[in-house]
């Protein structure tokens, strides 16, 4: 195959599939077929959730760096354990935040 191994072809195919899915999602977001209105807000409120925002940012940063490093090296790189730990802590904070009940405002005043 003129210097291209089967593994290299498979890696590029996987990267292209991921990029294609990302483009499809971005197009659907742009055409309002995917609503992001409540992406960062807590359920039932309009207040922004710091845990959701942190989880979203960490996920995009780690995924973006992974994709960039993979494209630069031409192979799938190993994700450092520190990055996985950081993502796990962020996900744990998000899950715990979902489990903690939000205080309701008292509408009956004496």
PDB file of N, CA and C in Angstrom:
ATOM      1  N   UNK A   1       0.810  -1.184   0.000  1.00  0.00           N
ATOM      2  CA  UNK A   1       0.000   0.000   0.000  1.00  0.00           C
ATOM      3  C   UNK A   1       0.857   1.253   0.000  1.00  0.00           C
ATOM      4  N   UNK A   2       1.994   1.230  -0.592  1.00  0.00           N
ATOM      5  CA  UNK A   2       2.868   2.386  -0.723  1.00  0.00           C
ATOM      6  C   UNK A   2       3.217   3.028   0.613  1.00  0.00           C
ATOM      7  N   UNK A   3       3.642   2.247   1.567  1.00  0.00           N
ATOM      8  CA  UNK A   3       4.105   2.772   2.838  1.00  0.00           C
ATOM      9  C   UNK A   3       3.020   2.979   3.883  1.00  0.00           C
ATOM     10  N   UNK A   4       1.762   2.786   3.532  1.00  0.00           N
ATOM     11  CA  UNK A   4       0.682   2.934   4.505  1.00  0.00           C
ATOM     12  C   UNK A   4       0.308   1.561   5.043  1.00  0.00           C
ATOM     13  N   UNK A   5       0.379   1.436   6.338  1.00  0.00           N
ATOM     14  CA  UNK A   5      -0.016   0.169   6.939  1.00  0.00           C
ATOM     15  C   UNK A   5      -1.533   0.159   7.133  1.00  0.00           C
ATOM     16  N   UNK A   6      -2.062  -1.025   7.358  1.00  0.00           N
ATOM     17  CA  UNK A   6      -3.499  -1.164   7.574  1.00  0.00           C
ATOM     18  C   UNK A   6      -3.923  -0.427   8.841  1.00  0.00           C
ATOM     19  N   UNK A   7      -3.069  -0.446   9.863  1.00  0.00           N
ATOM     20  CA  UNK A   7      -3.392   0.247  11.115  1.00  0.00           C
ATOM     21  C   UNK A   7      -3.480   1.752  10.884  1.00  0.00           C
ATOM     22  N   UNK A   8      -2.582   2.287  10.085  1.00  0.00           N
ATOM     23  CA  UNK A   8      -2.590   3.714   9.787  1.00  0.00           C
ATOM     24  C   UNK A   8      -3.861   4.101   9.026  1.00  0.00           C
ATOM     25  N   UNK A   9      -4.253   3.296   8.091  1.00  0.00           N
ATOM     26  CA  UNK A   9      -5.476   3.548   7.328  1.00  0.00           C
ATOM     27  C   UNK A   9      -6.690   3.506   8.253  1.00  0.00           C
ATOM     28  N   UNK A  10      -6.716   2.546   9.161  1.00  0.00           N
ATOM     29  CA  UNK A  10      -7.829   2.424  10.109  1.00  0.00           C
ATOM     30  C   UNK A  10      -7.877   3.627  11.052  1.00  0.00           C
ATOM     31  N   UNK A  11      -6.711   4.100  11.487  1.00  0.00           N
ATOM     32  CA  UNK A  11      -6.674   5.255  12.377  1.00  0.00           C
ATOM     33  C   UNK A  11      -7.210   6.495  11.673  1.00  0.00           C
ATOM     34  N   UNK A  12      -6.779   6.717  10.447  1.00  0.00           N
ATOM     35  CA  UNK A  12      -7.284   7.867   9.704  1.00  0.00           C
ATOM     36  C   UNK A  12      -8.767   7.737   9.425  1.00  0.00           C
ATOM     37  N   UNK A  13      -9.240   6.529   9.161  1.00  0.00           N
ATOM     38  CA  UNK A  13     -10.670   6.314   8.934  1.00  0.00           C
ATOM     39  C   UNK A  13     -11.461   6.642  10.207  1.00  0.00           C
ATOM     40  N   UNK A  14     -10.940   6.225  11.362  1.00  0.00           N
ATOM     41  CA  UNK A  14     -11.602   6.514  12.629  1.00  0.00           C
ATOM     42  C   UNK A  14     -11.636   8.019  12.894  1.00  0.00           C
ATOM     43  N   UNK A  15     -10.530   8.694  12.638  1.00  0.00           N
ATOM     44  CA  UNK A  15     -10.479  10.146  12.829  1.00  0.00           C
ATOM     45  C   UNK A  15     -11.467  10.837  11.893  1.00  0.00           C
ATOM     46  N   UNK A  16     -11.540  10.406  10.656  1.00  0.00           N
ATOM     47  CA  UNK A  16     -12.476  11.010   9.710  1.00  0.00           C
ATOM     48  C   UNK A  16     -13.933  10.776  10.108  1.00  0.00           C
ATOM     49  N   UNK A  17     -14.218   9.601  10.655  1.00  0.00           N
ATOM     50  CA  UNK A  17     -15.582   9.313  11.116  1.00  0.00           C
ATOM     51  C   UNK A  17     -15.943  10.226  12.282  1.00  0.00           C
ATOM     52  N   UNK A  18     -15.017  10.403  13.222  1.00  0.00           N
ATOM     53  CA  UNK A  18     -15.280  11.276  14.368  1.00  0.00           C
ATOM     54  C   UNK A  18     -15.486  12.715  13.911  1.00  0.00           C
ATOM     55  N   UNK A  19     -14.657  13.186  12.999  1.00  0.00           N
ATOM     56  CA  UNK A  19     -14.793  14.545  12.476  1.00  0.00           C
ATOM     57  C   UNK A  19     -16.119  14.697  11.726  1.00  0.00           C
ATOM     58  N   UNK A  20     -16.519  13.674  10.974  1.00  0.00           N
ATOM     59  CA  UNK A  20     -17.794  13.729  10.252  1.00  0.00           C
ATOM     60  C   UNK A  20     -18.966  13.827  11.225  1.00  0.00           C
ATOM     61  N   UNK A  21     -18.945  13.027  12.298  1.00  0.00           N
ATOM     62  CA  UNK A  21     -20.007  13.111  13.302  1.00  0.00           C
ATOM     63  C   UNK A  21     -20.024  14.493  13.957  1.00  0.00           C
ATOM     64  N   UNK A  22     -18.843  15.035  14.244  1.00  0.00           N
ATOM     65  CA  UNK A  22     -18.769  16.370  14.852  1.00  0.00           C
ATOM     66  C   UNK A  22     -19.360  17.418  13.918  1.00  0.00           C
ATOM     67  N   UNK A  23     -19.054  17.321  12.626  1.00  0.00           N
ATOM     68  CA  UNK A  23     -19.610  18.270  11.664  1.00  0.00           C
ATOM     69  C   UNK A  23     -21.128  18.157  11.555  1.00  0.00           C
ATOM     70  N   UNK A  24     -21.634  16.932  11.587  1.00  0.00           N
ATOM     71  CA  UNK A  24     -23.088  16.728  11.538  1.00  0.00           C
ATOM     72  C   UNK A  24     -23.749  17.380  12.744  1.00  0.00           C
ATOM     73  N   UNK A  25     -23.177  17.171  13.928  1.00  0.00           N
ATOM     74  CA  UNK A  25     -23.738  17.771  15.142  1.00  0.00           C
ATOM     75  C   UNK A  25     -23.673  19.297  15.061  1.00  0.00           C
ATOM     76  N   UNK A  26     -22.541  19.844  14.612  1.00  0.00           N
ATOM     77  CA  UNK A  26     -22.418  21.296  14.503  1.00  0.00           C
ATOM     78  C   UNK A  26     -23.422  21.872  13.514  1.00  0.00           C
ATOM     79  N   UNK A  27     -23.653  21.188  12.403  1.00  0.00           N
ATOM     80  CA  UNK A  27     -24.641  21.652  11.425  1.00  0.00           C
ATOM     81  C   UNK A  27     -26.038  21.633  12.033  1.00  0.00           C
ATOM     82  N   UNK A  28     -26.361  20.568  12.785  1.00  0.00           N
ATOM     83  CA  UNK A  28     -27.677  20.478  13.423  1.00  0.00           C
ATOM     84  C   UNK A  28     -27.849  21.559  14.489  1.00  0.00           C
ATOM     85  N   UNK A  29     -26.766  21.884  15.199  1.00  0.00           N
ATOM     86  CA  UNK A  29     -26.841  22.972  16.179  1.00  0.00           C
ATOM     87  C   UNK A  29     -27.064  24.299  15.455  1.00  0.00           C
ATOM     88  N   UNK A  30     -26.351  24.528  14.366  1.00  0.00           N
ATOM     89  CA  UNK A  30     -26.456  25.773  13.612  1.00  0.00           C
ATOM     90  C   UNK A  30     -27.853  25.956  13.019  1.00  0.00           C
ATOM     91  N   UNK A  31     -28.485  24.884  12.581  1.00  0.00           N
ATOM     92  CA  UNK A  31     -29.818  24.971  11.978  1.00  0.00           C
ATOM     93  C   UNK A  31     -30.932  24.802  13.012  1.00  0.00           C
ATOM     94  N   UNK A  32     -30.587  24.856  14.296  1.00  0.00           N
ATOM     95  CA  UNK A  32     -31.537  24.754  15.416  1.00  0.00           C
ATOM     96  C   UNK A  32     -32.305  23.436  15.457  1.00  0.00           C
ATOM     97  N   UNK A  33     -31.740  22.380  14.916  1.00  0.00           N
ATOM     98  CA  UNK A  33     -32.339  21.060  15.048  1.00  0.00           C
ATOM     99  C   UNK A  33     -31.943  20.436  16.382  1.00  0.00           C
ATOM    100  N   UNK A  34     -30.868  20.924  16.969  1.00  0.00           N
ATOM    101  CA  UNK A  34     -30.461  20.529  18.313  1.00  0.00           C
ATOM    102  C   UNK A  34     -30.510  21.780  19.165  1.00  0.00           C
ATOM    103  N   UNK A  35     -31.344  21.762  20.201  1.00  0.00           N
ATOM    104  CA  UNK A  35     -31.537  22.925  21.049  1.00  0.00           C
ATOM    105  C   UNK A  35     -30.549  22.882  22.216  1.00  0.00           C
ATOM    106  N   UNK A  36     -29.733  23.918  22.333  1.00  0.00           N
ATOM    107  CA  UNK A  36     -28.768  24.002  23.421  1.00  0.00           C
ATOM    108  C   UNK A  36     -29.185  25.018  24.479  1.00  0.00           C
ATOM    109  N   UNK A  37     -30.449  25.393  24.454  1.00  0.00           N
ATOM    110  CA  UNK A  37     -30.939  26.421  25.366  1.00  0.00           C
ATOM    111  C   UNK A  37     -30.753  26.083  26.835  1.00  0.00           C
ATOM    112  N   UNK A  38     -30.908  24.822  27.190  1.00  0.00           N
ATOM    113  CA  UNK A  38     -30.793  24.446  28.601  1.00  0.00           C
ATOM    114  C   UNK A  38     -29.556  23.586  28.860  1.00  0.00           C
ATOM    115  N   UNK A  39     -28.538  23.748  28.032  1.00  0.00           N
ATOM    116  CA  UNK A  39     -27.338  22.927  28.163  1.00  0.00           C
ATOM    117  C   UNK A  39     -26.630  23.154  29.487  1.00  0.00           C
ATOM    118  N   UNK A  40     -26.524  24.393  29.895  1.00  0.00           N
ATOM    119  CA  UNK A  40     -25.784  24.706  31.109  1.00  0.00           C
ATOM    120  C   UNK A  40     -26.667  24.991  32.315  1.00  0.00           C
ATOM    121  N   UNK A  41     -27.980  24.990  32.143  1.00  0.00           N
ATOM    122  CA  UNK A  41     -28.858  25.314  33.267  1.00  0.00           C
ATOM    123  C   UNK A  41     -29.310  24.056  33.994  1.00  0.00           C
ATOM    124  N   UNK A  42     -29.594  24.246  35.273  1.00  0.00           N
ATOM    125  CA  UNK A  42     -30.130  23.156  36.082  1.00  0.00           C
ATOM    126  C   UNK A  42     -31.537  22.823  35.599  1.00  0.00           C
ATOM    127  N   UNK A  43     -31.935  21.590  35.798  1.00  0.00           N
ATOM    128  CA  UNK A  43     -33.273  21.200  35.348  1.00  0.00           C
ATOM    129  C   UNK A  43     -34.329  21.930  36.185  1.00  0.00           C
ATOM    130  N   UNK A  44     -35.292  22.494  35.518  1.00  0.00           N
ATOM    131  CA  UNK A  44     -36.370  23.195  36.192  1.00  0.00           C
ATOM    132  C   UNK A  44     -36.078  24.647  36.513  1.00  0.00           C
ATOM    133  N   UNK A  45     -34.861  25.111  36.271  1.00  0.00           N
ATOM    134  CA  UNK A  45     -34.524  26.510  36.551  1.00  0.00           C
ATOM    135  C   UNK A  45     -33.828  27.105  35.339  1.00  0.00           C
ATOM    136  N   UNK A  46     -33.591  28.401  35.429  1.00  0.00           N
ATOM    137  CA  UNK A  46     -32.827  29.054  34.376  1.00  0.00           C
ATOM    138  C   UNK A  46     -31.431  29.413  34.850  1.00  0.00           C
ATOM    139  N   UNK A  47     -31.082  28.998  36.073  1.00  0.00           N
ATOM    140  CA  UNK A  47     -29.761  29.293  36.621  1.00  0.00           C
ATOM    141  C   UNK A  47     -28.711  28.389  35.985  1.00  0.00           C
ATOM    142  N   UNK A  48     -27.558  28.964  35.708  1.00  0.00           N
ATOM    143  CA  UNK A  48     -26.471  28.190  35.121  1.00  0.00           C
ATOM    144  C   UNK A  48     -25.856  27.274  36.170  1.00  0.00           C
ATOM    145  N   UNK A  49     -25.418  26.114  35.743  1.00  0.00           N
ATOM    146  CA  UNK A  49     -24.791  25.134  36.623  1.00  0.00           C
ATOM    147  C   UNK A  49     -23.288  25.146  36.392  1.00  0.00           C
ATOM    148  N   UNK A  50     -22.527  25.436  37.443  1.00  0.00           N
ATOM    149  CA  UNK A  50     -21.079  25.459  37.324  1.00  0.00           C
ATOM    150  C   UNK A  50     -20.533  24.057  37.041  1.00  0.00           C
ATOM    151  N   UNK A  51     -21.129  23.025  37.610  1.00  0.00           N
ATOM    152  CA  UNK A  51     -20.635  21.663  37.387  1.00  0.00           C
ATOM    153  C   UNK A  51     -20.856  21.234  35.937  1.00  0.00           C
ATOM    154  N   UNK A  52     -21.987  21.612  35.356  1.00  0.00           N
ATOM    155  CA  UNK A  52     -22.224  21.295  33.943  1.00  0.00           C
ATOM    156  C   UNK A  52     -21.242  22.019  33.047  1.00  0.00           C
ATOM    157  N   UNK A  53     -20.988  23.302  33.344  1.00  0.00           N
ATOM    158  CA  UNK A  53     -20.061  24.090  32.550  1.00  0.00           C
ATOM    159  C   UNK A  53     -18.651  23.516  32.639  1.00  0.00           C
ATOM    160  N   UNK A  54     -18.218  23.167  33.846  1.00  0.00           N
ATOM    161  CA  UNK A  54     -16.883  22.604  34.047  1.00  0.00           C
ATOM    162  C   UNK A  54     -16.746  21.279  33.299  1.00  0.00           C
ATOM    163  N   UNK A  55     -17.731  20.416  33.397  1.00  0.00           N
ATOM    164  CA  UNK A  55     -17.701  19.124  32.720  1.00  0.00           C
ATOM    165  C   UNK A  55     -17.651  19.317  31.206  1.00  0.00           C
ATOM    166  N   UNK A  56     -18.419  20.267  30.682  1.00  0.00           N
ATOM    167  CA  UNK A  56     -18.436  20.542  29.249  1.00  0.00           C
ATOM    168  C   UNK A  56     -17.077  21.043  28.772  1.00  0.00           C
ATOM    169  N   UNK A  57     -16.499  22.000  29.502  1.00  0.00           N
ATOM    170  CA  UNK A  57     -15.207  22.569  29.110  1.00  0.00           C
ATOM    171  C   UNK A  57     -14.110  21.508  29.173  1.00  0.00           C
ATOM    172  N   UNK A  58     -14.036  20.744  30.268  1.00  0.00           N
ATOM    173  CA  UNK A  58     -13.001  19.714  30.394  1.00  0.00           C
ATOM    174  C   UNK A  58     -13.128  18.677  29.287  1.00  0.00           C
ATOM    175  N   UNK A  59     -14.350  18.285  28.961  1.00  0.00           N
ATOM    176  CA  UNK A  59     -14.556  17.286  27.916  1.00  0.00           C
ATOM    177  C   UNK A  59     -14.055  17.804  26.572  1.00  0.00           C
ATOM    178  N   UNK A  60     -14.413  19.044  26.222  1.00  0.00           N
ATOM    179  CA  UNK A  60     -13.970  19.605  24.946  1.00  0.00           C
ATOM    180  C   UNK A  60     -12.463  19.818  24.903  1.00  0.00           C
ATOM    181  N   UNK A  61     -11.877  20.271  25.999  1.00  0.00           N
ATOM    182  CA  UNK A  61     -10.428  20.501  26.024  1.00  0.00           C
ATOM    183  C   UNK A  61      -9.680  19.183  25.847  1.00  0.00           C
ATOM    184  N   UNK A  62     -10.052  18.167  26.602  1.00  0.00           N
ATOM    185  CA  UNK A  62      -9.356  16.880  26.523  1.00  0.00           C
ATOM    186  C   UNK A  62      -9.575  16.230  25.157  1.00  0.00           C
ATOM    187  N   UNK A  63     -10.804  16.268  24.643  1.00  0.00           N
ATOM    188  CA  UNK A  63     -11.076  15.682  23.325  1.00  0.00           C
ATOM    189  C   UNK A  63     -10.336  16.444  22.225  1.00  0.00           C
ATOM    190  N   UNK A  64     -10.306  17.763  22.318  1.00  0.00           N
ATOM    191  CA  UNK A  64      -9.606  18.565  21.317  1.00  0.00           C
ATOM    192  C   UNK A  64      -8.110  18.315  21.320  1.00  0.00           C
ATOM    193  N   UNK A  65      -7.525  18.253  22.513  1.00  0.00           N
ATOM    194  CA  UNK A  65      -6.094  17.965  22.606  1.00  0.00           C
ATOM    195  C   UNK A  65      -5.771  16.565  22.099  1.00  0.00           C
ATOM    196  N   UNK A  66      -6.616  15.605  22.434  1.00  0.00           N
ATOM    197  CA  UNK A  66      -6.404  14.240  21.968  1.00  0.00           C
ATOM    198  C   UNK A  66      -6.446  14.182  20.440  1.00  0.00           C
ATOM    199  N   UNK A  67      -7.444  14.838  19.856  1.00  0.00           N
ATOM    200  CA  UNK A  67      -7.557  14.825  18.395  1.00  0.00           C
ATOM    201  C   UNK A  67      -6.363  15.524  17.756  1.00  0.00           C
ATOM    202  N   UNK A  68      -5.955  16.662  18.318  1.00  0.00           N
ATOM    203  CA  UNK A  68      -4.810  17.404  17.776  1.00  0.00           C
ATOM    204  C   UNK A  68      -3.534  16.586  17.847  1.00  0.00           C
ATOM    205  N   UNK A  69      -3.272  15.981  19.012  1.00  0.00           N
ATOM    206  CA  UNK A  69      -2.058  15.178  19.165  1.00  0.00           C
ATOM    207  C   UNK A  69      -2.080  13.949  18.267  1.00  0.00           C
ATOM    208  N   UNK A  70      -3.245  13.361  18.095  1.00  0.00           N
ATOM    209  CA  UNK A  70      -3.355  12.188  17.219  1.00  0.00           C
ATOM    210  C   UNK A  70      -3.097  12.562  15.768  1.00  0.00           C
ATOM    211  N   UNK A  71      -3.626  13.711  15.351  1.00  0.00           N
ATOM    212  CA  UNK A  71      -3.398  14.140  13.974  1.00  0.00           C
ATOM    213  C   UNK A  71      -1.940  14.512  13.734  1.00  0.00           C
ATOM    214  N   UNK A  72      -1.299  15.157  14.722  1.00  0.00           N
ATOM    215  CA  UNK A  72       0.105  15.540  14.563  1.00  0.00           C
ATOM    216  C   UNK A  72       1.031  14.335  14.503  1.00  0.00           C
ATOM    217  N   UNK A  73       0.754  13.325  15.344  1.00  0.00           N
ATOM    218  CA  UNK A  73       1.652  12.173  15.396  1.00  0.00           C
ATOM    219  C   UNK A  73       1.318  11.130  14.334  1.00  0.00           C
ATOM    220  N   UNK A  74       0.111  11.164  13.805  1.00  0.00           N
ATOM    221  CA  UNK A  74      -0.287  10.187  12.799  1.00  0.00           C
ATOM    222  C   UNK A  74      -0.747   8.869  13.399  1.00  0.00           C
ATOM    223  N   UNK A  75      -0.763   8.774  14.721  1.00  0.00           N
ATOM    224  CA  UNK A  75      -1.247   7.580  15.401  1.00  0.00           C
ATOM    225  C   UNK A  75      -2.168   7.995  16.536  1.00  0.00           C
ATOM    226  N   UNK A  76      -2.909   7.033  17.046  1.00  0.00           N
ATOM    227  CA  UNK A  76      -3.744   7.317  18.207  1.00  0.00           C
ATOM    228  C   UNK A  76      -2.848   7.355  19.442  1.00  0.00           C
ATOM    229  N   UNK A  77      -2.835   8.479  20.133  1.00  0.00           N
ATOM    230  CA  UNK A  77      -1.973   8.639  21.292  1.00  0.00           C
ATOM    231  C   UNK A  77      -2.694   8.158  22.550  1.00  0.00           C
ATOM    232  N   UNK A  78      -1.898   7.880  23.578  1.00  0.00           N
ATOM    233  CA  UNK A  78      -2.465   7.446  24.853  1.00  0.00           C
ATOM    234  C   UNK A  78      -2.870   8.669  25.656  1.00  0.00           C
ATOM    235  N   UNK A  79      -4.074   8.626  26.215  1.00  0.00           N
ATOM    236  CA  UNK A  79      -4.543   9.731  27.048  1.00  0.00           C
ATOM    237  C   UNK A  79      -3.863   9.608  28.409  1.00  0.00           C
ATOM    238  N   UNK A  80      -3.224  10.677  28.892  1.00  0.00           N
ATOM    239  CA  UNK A  80      -2.549  10.602  30.188  1.00  0.00           C
ATOM    240  C   UNK A  80      -3.538  10.322  31.318  1.00  0.00           C
ATOM    241  N   UNK A  81      -3.063   9.595  32.316  1.00  0.00           N
ATOM    242  CA  UNK A  81      -3.916   9.256  33.456  1.00  0.00           C
ATOM    243  C   UNK A  81      -4.388  10.502  34.191  1.00  0.00           C
ATOM    244  N   UNK A  82      -3.552  11.542  34.233  1.00  0.00           N
ATOM    245  CA  UNK A  82      -3.953  12.780  34.895  1.00  0.00           C
ATOM    246  C   UNK A  82      -5.159  13.416  34.235  1.00  0.00           C
ATOM    247  N   UNK A  83      -5.209  13.376  32.893  1.00  0.00           N
ATOM    248  CA  UNK A  83      -6.345  13.949  32.169  1.00  0.00           C
ATOM    249  C   UNK A  83      -7.611  13.132  32.435  1.00  0.00           C
ATOM    250  N   UNK A  84      -7.469  11.819  32.473  1.00  0.00           N
ATOM    251  CA  UNK A  84      -8.623  10.969  32.769  1.00  0.00           C
ATOM    252  C   UNK A  84      -9.112  11.180  34.198  1.00  0.00           C
ATOM    253  N   UNK A  85      -8.168  11.372  35.126  1.00  0.00           N
ATOM    254  CA  UNK A  85      -8.533  11.635  36.514  1.00  0.00           C
ATOM    255  C   UNK A  85      -9.276  12.960  36.621  1.00  0.00           C
ATOM    256  N   UNK A  86      -8.786  13.982  35.943  1.00  0.00           N
ATOM    257  CA  UNK A  86      -9.432  15.289  35.952  1.00  0.00           C
ATOM    258  C   UNK A  86     -10.840  15.198  35.371  1.00  0.00           C
ATOM    259  N   UNK A  87     -10.996  14.478  34.290  1.00  0.00           N
ATOM    260  CA  UNK A  87     -12.310  14.301  33.683  1.00  0.00           C
ATOM    261  C   UNK A  87     -13.233  13.504  34.606  1.00  0.00           C
ATOM    262  N   UNK A  88     -12.682  12.492  35.282  1.00  0.00           N
ATOM    263  CA  UNK A  88     -13.473  11.707  36.224  1.00  0.00           C
ATOM    264  C   UNK A  88     -13.937  12.522  37.416  1.00  0.00           C
ATOM    265  N   UNK A  89     -13.062  13.376  37.948  1.00  0.00           N
ATOM    266  CA  UNK A  89     -13.442  14.241  39.061  1.00  0.00           C
ATOM    267  C   UNK A  89     -14.529  15.218  38.623  1.00  0.00           C
ATOM    268  N   UNK A  90     -14.385  15.764  37.432  1.00  0.00           N
ATOM    269  CA  UNK A  90     -15.386  16.686  36.908  1.00  0.00           C
ATOM    270  C   UNK A  90     -16.731  15.981  36.721  1.00  0.00           C
ATOM    271  N   UNK A  91     -16.694  14.768  36.184  1.00  0.00           N
ATOM    272  CA  UNK A  91     -17.930  13.994  36.003  1.00  0.00           C
ATOM    273  C   UNK A  91     -18.548  13.640  37.349  1.00  0.00           C
ATOM    274  N   UNK A  92     -17.703  13.308  38.329  1.00  0.00           N
ATOM    275  CA  UNK A  92     -18.205  13.004  39.664  1.00  0.00           C
ATOM    276  C   UNK A  92     -18.886  14.210  40.290  1.00  0.00           C
ATOM    277  N   UNK A  93     -18.285  15.388  40.120  1.00  0.00           N
ATOM    278  CA  UNK A  93     -18.912  16.607  40.631  1.00  0.00           C
ATOM    279  C   UNK A  93     -20.248  16.874  39.974  1.00  0.00           C
ATOM    280  N   UNK A  94     -20.328  16.601  38.682  1.00  0.00           N
ATOM    281  CA  UNK A  94     -21.592  16.775  37.959  1.00  0.00           C
ATOM    282  C   UNK A  94     -22.654  15.812  38.494  1.00  0.00           C
ATOM    283  N   UNK A  95     -22.270  14.543  38.686  1.00  0.00           N
ATOM    284  CA  UNK A  95     -23.233  13.539  39.170  1.00  0.00           C
ATOM    285  C   UNK A  95     -23.686  13.873  40.585  1.00  0.00           C
ATOM    286  N   UNK A  96     -22.746  14.262  41.439  1.00  0.00           N
ATOM    287  CA  UNK A  96     -23.115  14.625  42.813  1.00  0.00           C
ATOM    288  C   UNK A  96     -24.024  15.849  42.798  1.00  0.00           C
ATOM    289  N   UNK A  97     -23.720  16.811  41.923  1.00  0.00           N
ATOM    290  CA  UNK A  97     -24.574  17.994  41.801  1.00  0.00           C
ATOM    291  C   UNK A  97     -25.986  17.643  41.361  1.00  0.00           C
ATOM    292  N   UNK A  98     -26.119  16.617  40.551  1.00  0.00           N
ATOM    293  CA  UNK A  98     -27.451  16.188  40.123  1.00  0.00           C
ATOM    294  C   UNK A  98     -28.221  15.538  41.269  1.00  0.00           C
ATOM    295  N   UNK A  99     -27.485  14.916  42.209  1.00  0.00           N
ATOM    296  CA  UNK A  99     -28.140  14.210  43.298  1.00  0.00           C
ATOM    297  C   UNK A  99     -28.531  15.102  44.464  1.00  0.00           C
ATOM    298  N   UNK A 100     -27.911  16.268  44.569  1.00  0.00           N
ATOM    299  CA  UNK A 100     -28.225  17.173  45.670  1.00  0.00           C
ATOM    300  C   UNK A 100     -29.484  17.954  45.313  1.00  0.00           C
ATOM    301  N   UNK A 101     -30.492  17.889  46.201  1.00  0.00           N
ATOM    302  CA  UNK A 101     -31.718  18.617  45.878  1.00  0.00           C
ATOM    303  C   UNK A 101     -31.513  20.124  45.966  1.00  0.00           C
ATOM    304  N   UNK A 102     -32.159  20.844  45.067  1.00  0.00           N
ATOM    305  CA  UNK A 102     -32.082  22.302  45.094  1.00  0.00           C
ATOM    306  C   UNK A 102     -33.128  22.836  46.050  1.00  0.00           C
ATOM    307  N   UNK A 103     -32.771  23.846  46.842  1.00  0.00           N
ATOM    308  CA  UNK A 103     -33.765  24.389  47.795  1.00  0.00           C
ATOM    309  C   UNK A 103     -34.881  25.114  47.049  1.00  0.00           C
ATOM    310  N   UNK A 104     -36.079  24.887  47.513  1.00  0.00           N
ATOM    311  CA  UNK A 104     -37.244  25.548  46.924  1.00  0.00           C
ATOM    312  C   UNK A 104     -37.480  26.848  47.668  1.00  0.00           C
ATOM    313  N   UNK A 105     -37.919  27.870  46.941  1.00  0.00           N
ATOM    314  CA  UNK A 105     -38.210  29.136  47.593  1.00  0.00           C
ATOM    315  C   UNK A 105     -39.522  29.020  48.341  1.00  0.00           C
ATOM    316  N   UNK A 106     -39.569  29.592  49.526  1.00  0.00           N
ATOM    317  CA  UNK A 106     -40.762  29.519  50.368  1.00  0.00           C
ATOM    318  C   UNK A 106     -41.741  30.612  49.939  1.00  0.00           C
ATOM    319  N   UNK A 107     -42.884  30.190  49.435  1.00  0.00           N
ATOM    320  CA  UNK A 107     -43.877  31.156  48.956  1.00  0.00           C
ATOM    321  C   UNK A 107     -44.879  31.518  50.043  1.00  0.00           C
ATOM    322  N   UNK A 108     -44.897  30.755  51.130  1.00  0.00           N
ATOM    323  CA  UNK A 108     -45.811  31.064  52.225  1.00  0.00           C
ATOM    324  C   UNK A 108     -45.047  31.772  53.319  1.00  0.00           C
ATOM    325  N   UNK A 109     -45.281  33.066  53.466  1.00  0.00           N
ATOM    326  CA  UNK A 109     -44.598  33.860  54.489  1.00  0.00           C
ATOM    327  C   UNK A 109     -45.581  34.194  55.593  1.00  0.00           C
ATOM    328  N   UNK A 110     -45.093  34.112  56.787  1.00  0.00           N
ATOM    329  CA  UNK A 110     -45.964  34.389  57.940  1.00  0.00           C
ATOM    330  C   UNK A 110     -45.965  35.855  58.278  1.00  0.00           C
TER     331      UNK A 110
END
